[in-house]
Amino acid sequence: MYVIDIVYTADLSVIDQYLIPHREYLDKNYAKGLLLCSGPKNPRNGGTIIGLFKSRAEVDTFIQNDPFSIHNIAKYSVSEFVPVKCHALIKELCL
């Protein structure tokens, strides 16, 4: 499992221009089963995505194709982790 931390590098007015394409991109990846959850931070200076990617290479490809990345308006950091305890709703994702 991977956590992708996004920090906006452009004004929100620019971010908002690409928000719909970004969310459509997320929808496509939810449909592929690659994403568990996503959303903006509060305060709204970026967002967080939790993904079920199989490899770091798959994460990197995902990031490269995100409209925020394509338009160079956000920075991304990635952490991999192995969940060992989970809420009952997602228990099958734990070891």
N, C-alpha and C. Protein backbone atom coordinates (compact mmCIF):
# COMPACT_ATOMS: atom_id res chain seq x y z
N MET A 1 0.86 -1.16 0.00
CA MET A 1 0.00 0.00 0.00
C MET A 1 0.91 1.23 0.00
N TYR A 2 0.46 2.27 -0.66
CA TYR A 2 1.26 3.49 -0.78
C TYR A 2 0.42 4.71 -0.40
N VAL A 3 1.08 5.65 0.27
CA VAL A 3 0.47 6.93 0.57
C VAL A 3 1.19 7.97 -0.28
N ILE A 4 0.41 8.71 -1.05
CA ILE A 4 0.95 9.78 -1.90
C ILE A 4 0.52 11.10 -1.29
N ASP A 5 1.51 11.89 -0.91
CA ASP A 5 1.26 13.22 -0.35
C ASP A 5 1.49 14.24 -1.45
N ILE A 6 0.50 15.07 -1.67
CA ILE A 6 0.56 16.09 -2.73
C ILE A 6 0.61 17.47 -2.08
N VAL A 7 1.53 18.30 -2.55
CA VAL A 7 1.62 19.69 -2.11
C VAL A 7 1.51 20.56 -3.35
N TYR A 8 0.54 21.46 -3.33
CA TYR A 8 0.36 22.36 -4.48
C TYR A 8 1.53 23.33 -4.58
N THR A 9 1.97 23.58 -5.80
CA THR A 9 3.05 24.54 -6.05
C THR A 9 2.55 25.74 -6.85
N ALA A 10 1.25 25.79 -7.08
CA ALA A 10 0.62 26.90 -7.81
C ALA A 10 -0.52 27.44 -6.97
N ASP A 11 -0.97 28.63 -7.32
CA ASP A 11 -2.12 29.23 -6.63
C ASP A 11 -3.36 28.37 -6.82
N LEU A 12 -4.28 28.45 -5.87
CA LEU A 12 -5.51 27.67 -5.96
C LEU A 12 -6.31 27.98 -7.21
N SER A 13 -6.19 29.19 -7.73
CA SER A 13 -6.90 29.53 -8.96
C SER A 13 -6.41 28.65 -10.12
N VAL A 14 -5.13 28.33 -10.13
CA VAL A 14 -4.57 27.45 -11.15
C VAL A 14 -4.95 26.00 -10.85
N ILE A 15 -4.84 25.60 -9.60
CA ILE A 15 -5.23 24.24 -9.20
C ILE A 15 -6.66 23.97 -9.62
N ASP A 16 -7.55 24.93 -9.37
CA ASP A 16 -8.97 24.75 -9.69
C ASP A 16 -9.22 24.54 -11.18
N GLN A 17 -8.36 25.08 -12.02
CA GLN A 17 -8.50 24.88 -13.47
C GLN A 17 -8.31 23.41 -13.87
N TYR A 18 -7.55 22.67 -13.06
CA TYR A 18 -7.23 21.28 -13.37
C TYR A 18 -7.89 20.29 -12.42
N LEU A 19 -8.75 20.77 -11.53
CA LEU A 19 -9.37 19.91 -10.53
C LEU A 19 -10.29 18.87 -11.16
N ILE A 20 -11.11 19.26 -12.13
CA ILE A 20 -12.01 18.29 -12.77
C ILE A 20 -11.21 17.22 -13.51
N PRO A 21 -10.23 17.58 -14.35
CA PRO A 21 -9.43 16.52 -14.99
C PRO A 21 -8.70 15.63 -13.98
N HIS A 22 -8.21 16.22 -12.90
CA HIS A 22 -7.54 15.44 -11.85
C HIS A 22 -8.51 14.42 -11.25
N ARG A 23 -9.71 14.86 -10.92
CA ARG A 23 -10.69 13.95 -10.31
C ARG A 23 -11.18 12.90 -11.31
N GLU A 24 -11.28 13.26 -12.56
CA GLU A 24 -11.63 12.26 -13.59
C GLU A 24 -10.53 11.21 -13.70
N TYR A 25 -9.29 11.65 -13.60
CA TYR A 25 -8.16 10.74 -13.62
C TYR A 25 -8.22 9.79 -12.42
N LEU A 26 -8.53 10.35 -11.25
CA LEU A 26 -8.69 9.51 -10.07
C LEU A 26 -9.80 8.49 -10.28
N ASP A 27 -10.93 8.93 -10.83
CA ASP A 27 -12.05 8.01 -11.09
C ASP A 27 -11.63 6.83 -11.94
N LYS A 28 -10.84 7.09 -12.98
CA LYS A 28 -10.37 6.01 -13.85
C LYS A 28 -9.52 5.01 -13.07
N ASN A 29 -8.73 5.51 -12.14
CA ASN A 29 -7.87 4.64 -11.36
C ASN A 29 -8.62 3.94 -10.23
N TYR A 30 -9.69 4.54 -9.72
CA TYR A 30 -10.58 3.82 -8.80
C TYR A 30 -11.21 2.64 -9.54
N ALA A 31 -11.65 2.89 -10.77
CA ALA A 31 -12.28 1.83 -11.57
C ALA A 31 -11.32 0.66 -11.83
N LYS A 32 -10.02 0.95 -11.91
CA LYS A 32 -9.01 -0.09 -12.11
C LYS A 32 -8.67 -0.81 -10.80
N GLY A 33 -9.20 -0.32 -9.68
CA GLY A 33 -8.90 -0.93 -8.39
C GLY A 33 -7.59 -0.50 -7.78
N LEU A 34 -7.02 0.61 -8.27
CA LEU A 34 -5.72 1.05 -7.79
C LEU A 34 -5.78 1.98 -6.58
N LEU A 35 -6.93 2.59 -6.32
CA LEU A 35 -7.01 3.58 -5.25
C LEU A 35 -7.97 3.12 -4.16
N LEU A 36 -7.58 3.43 -2.91
CA LEU A 36 -8.42 3.13 -1.76
C LEU A 36 -9.20 4.37 -1.32
N CYS A 37 -8.52 5.51 -1.25
CA CYS A 37 -9.20 6.77 -0.91
C CYS A 37 -8.31 7.94 -1.31
N SER A 38 -8.94 9.12 -1.40
CA SER A 38 -8.21 10.32 -1.78
C SER A 38 -9.01 11.54 -1.33
N GLY A 39 -8.32 12.66 -1.19
CA GLY A 39 -9.03 13.89 -0.85
C GLY A 39 -8.08 15.03 -0.54
N PRO A 40 -8.64 16.24 -0.47
CA PRO A 40 -7.82 17.42 -0.18
C PRO A 40 -7.47 17.51 1.30
N LYS A 41 -6.38 18.19 1.56
CA LYS A 41 -5.97 18.47 2.94
C LYS A 41 -6.74 19.68 3.45
N ASN A 42 -6.73 19.85 4.73
CA ASN A 42 -7.31 21.04 5.36
C ASN A 42 -6.25 21.60 6.29
N PRO A 43 -5.64 22.76 5.99
CA PRO A 43 -6.02 23.70 4.94
C PRO A 43 -5.69 23.15 3.56
N ARG A 44 -6.32 23.72 2.57
CA ARG A 44 -6.24 23.23 1.20
C ARG A 44 -4.94 23.64 0.51
N ASN A 45 -3.87 22.96 0.90
CA ASN A 45 -2.56 23.21 0.28
C ASN A 45 -2.05 21.98 -0.46
N GLY A 46 -2.92 20.98 -0.62
CA GLY A 46 -2.56 19.76 -1.31
C GLY A 46 -3.58 18.68 -1.03
N GLY A 47 -3.16 17.44 -1.20
CA GLY A 47 -4.08 16.33 -0.97
C GLY A 47 -3.31 15.07 -0.62
N THR A 48 -4.08 14.02 -0.34
CA THR A 48 -3.51 12.73 0.01
C THR A 48 -4.25 11.64 -0.75
N ILE A 49 -3.50 10.67 -1.24
CA ILE A 49 -4.06 9.52 -1.94
C ILE A 49 -3.49 8.27 -1.30
N ILE A 50 -4.36 7.31 -1.00
CA ILE A 50 -3.90 6.00 -0.54
C ILE A 50 -4.19 5.02 -1.66
N GLY A 51 -3.13 4.38 -2.14
CA GLY A 51 -3.26 3.52 -3.30
C GLY A 51 -2.87 2.08 -3.02
N LEU A 52 -3.44 1.21 -3.81
CA LEU A 52 -3.19 -0.23 -3.70
C LEU A 52 -2.29 -0.69 -4.83
N PHE A 53 -1.31 0.11 -5.17
CA PHE A 53 -0.40 -0.18 -6.27
C PHE A 53 0.46 -1.40 -5.94
N LYS A 54 0.88 -2.12 -6.98
CA LYS A 54 1.68 -3.32 -6.81
C LYS A 54 3.17 -3.02 -6.67
N SER A 55 3.60 -1.85 -7.15
CA SER A 55 5.02 -1.52 -7.12
C SER A 55 5.21 -0.01 -7.13
N ARG A 56 6.41 0.40 -6.77
CA ARG A 56 6.74 1.82 -6.81
C ARG A 56 6.71 2.32 -8.25
N ALA A 57 7.09 1.48 -9.19
CA ALA A 57 7.05 1.87 -10.61
C ALA A 57 5.62 2.19 -11.03
N GLU A 58 4.66 1.42 -10.54
CA GLU A 58 3.25 1.68 -10.85
C GLU A 58 2.80 3.01 -10.24
N VAL A 59 3.28 3.31 -9.04
CA VAL A 59 2.98 4.61 -8.41
C VAL A 59 3.56 5.74 -9.25
N ASP A 60 4.80 5.59 -9.66
CA ASP A 60 5.45 6.64 -10.45
C ASP A 60 4.72 6.90 -11.76
N THR A 61 4.27 5.85 -12.41
CA THR A 61 3.49 6.00 -13.64
C THR A 61 2.18 6.72 -13.36
N PHE A 62 1.51 6.35 -12.28
CA PHE A 62 0.28 7.02 -11.87
C PHE A 62 0.52 8.52 -11.70
N ILE A 63 1.57 8.87 -10.97
CA ILE A 63 1.87 10.28 -10.70
C ILE A 63 2.18 11.02 -12.01
N GLN A 64 2.99 10.42 -12.87
CA GLN A 64 3.38 11.07 -14.13
C GLN A 64 2.18 11.42 -15.00
N ASN A 65 1.11 10.64 -14.89
CA ASN A 65 -0.07 10.85 -15.73
C ASN A 65 -1.16 11.67 -15.07
N ASP A 66 -0.94 12.09 -13.84
CA ASP A 66 -1.90 12.94 -13.14
C ASP A 66 -1.85 14.35 -13.76
N PRO A 67 -3.00 14.95 -14.09
CA PRO A 67 -2.99 16.30 -14.64
C PRO A 67 -2.23 17.32 -13.80
N PHE A 68 -2.23 17.18 -12.48
CA PHE A 68 -1.45 18.10 -11.64
C PHE A 68 0.04 17.97 -11.93
N SER A 69 0.50 16.75 -12.16
CA SER A 69 1.90 16.52 -12.48
C SER A 69 2.22 16.97 -13.90
N ILE A 70 1.36 16.62 -14.83
CA ILE A 70 1.56 16.99 -16.23
C ILE A 70 1.73 18.50 -16.37
N HIS A 71 0.96 19.26 -15.60
CA HIS A 71 1.00 20.73 -15.69
C HIS A 71 1.94 21.35 -14.66
N ASN A 72 2.69 20.48 -13.96
CA ASN A 72 3.73 20.93 -13.02
C ASN A 72 3.19 21.92 -11.99
N ILE A 73 2.07 21.56 -11.37
CA ILE A 73 1.46 22.45 -10.37
C ILE A 73 1.40 21.81 -8.98
N ALA A 74 2.09 20.68 -8.83
CA ALA A 74 2.12 20.01 -7.53
C ALA A 74 3.39 19.18 -7.41
N LYS A 75 3.80 18.97 -6.15
CA LYS A 75 4.91 18.07 -5.84
C LYS A 75 4.34 16.88 -5.11
N TYR A 76 4.96 15.74 -5.31
CA TYR A 76 4.49 14.49 -4.74
C TYR A 76 5.58 13.84 -3.90
N SER A 77 5.18 13.27 -2.77
CA SER A 77 6.07 12.40 -2.02
C SER A 77 5.31 11.10 -1.76
N VAL A 78 6.06 10.00 -1.72
CA VAL A 78 5.45 8.68 -1.65
C VAL A 78 6.04 7.91 -0.48
N SER A 79 5.16 7.25 0.28
CA SER A 79 5.58 6.34 1.34
C SER A 79 4.90 5.01 1.12
N GLU A 80 5.68 3.94 1.22
CA GLU A 80 5.09 2.60 1.16
C GLU A 80 4.94 2.11 2.59
N PHE A 81 3.83 1.41 2.86
CA PHE A 81 3.67 0.79 4.17
C PHE A 81 2.87 -0.49 4.04
N VAL A 82 3.03 -1.35 5.04
CA VAL A 82 2.32 -2.61 5.09
C VAL A 82 1.36 -2.56 6.28
N PRO A 83 0.07 -2.47 6.02
CA PRO A 83 -0.88 -2.40 7.14
C PRO A 83 -0.97 -3.75 7.85
N VAL A 84 -0.80 -3.72 9.16
CA VAL A 84 -0.91 -4.95 9.95
C VAL A 84 -2.16 -4.93 10.83
N LYS A 85 -2.74 -3.78 11.01
CA LYS A 85 -4.00 -3.64 11.74
C LYS A 85 -4.91 -2.77 10.89
N CYS A 86 -6.17 -3.17 10.78
CA CYS A 86 -7.12 -2.44 9.95
C CYS A 86 -8.51 -2.46 10.58
N HIS A 87 -9.28 -1.45 10.26
CA HIS A 87 -10.70 -1.42 10.60
C HIS A 87 -11.39 -2.57 9.88
N ALA A 88 -12.48 -3.04 10.45
CA ALA A 88 -13.21 -4.17 9.86
C ALA A 88 -13.63 -3.91 8.42
N LEU A 89 -13.88 -2.66 8.07
CA LEU A 89 -14.31 -2.34 6.71
C LEU A 89 -13.26 -2.67 5.66
N ILE A 90 -12.00 -2.66 6.04
CA ILE A 90 -10.93 -2.93 5.07
C ILE A 90 -10.01 -4.05 5.57
N LYS A 91 -10.51 -4.89 6.43
CA LYS A 91 -9.69 -5.94 7.05
C LYS A 91 -8.96 -6.81 6.02
N GLU A 92 -9.57 -7.08 4.88
CA GLU A 92 -8.93 -7.95 3.89
C GLU A 92 -7.67 -7.33 3.29
N LEU A 93 -7.42 -6.05 3.55
CA LEU A 93 -6.22 -5.41 3.05
C LEU A 93 -5.02 -5.58 3.99
N CYS A 94 -5.27 -6.11 5.17
CA CYS A 94 -4.21 -6.29 6.17
C CYS A 94 -3.61 -7.68 6.07
N LEU A 95 -2.40 -7.77 6.59
CA LEU A 95 -1.72 -9.06 6.63
C LEU A 95 -2.37 -9.98 7.63
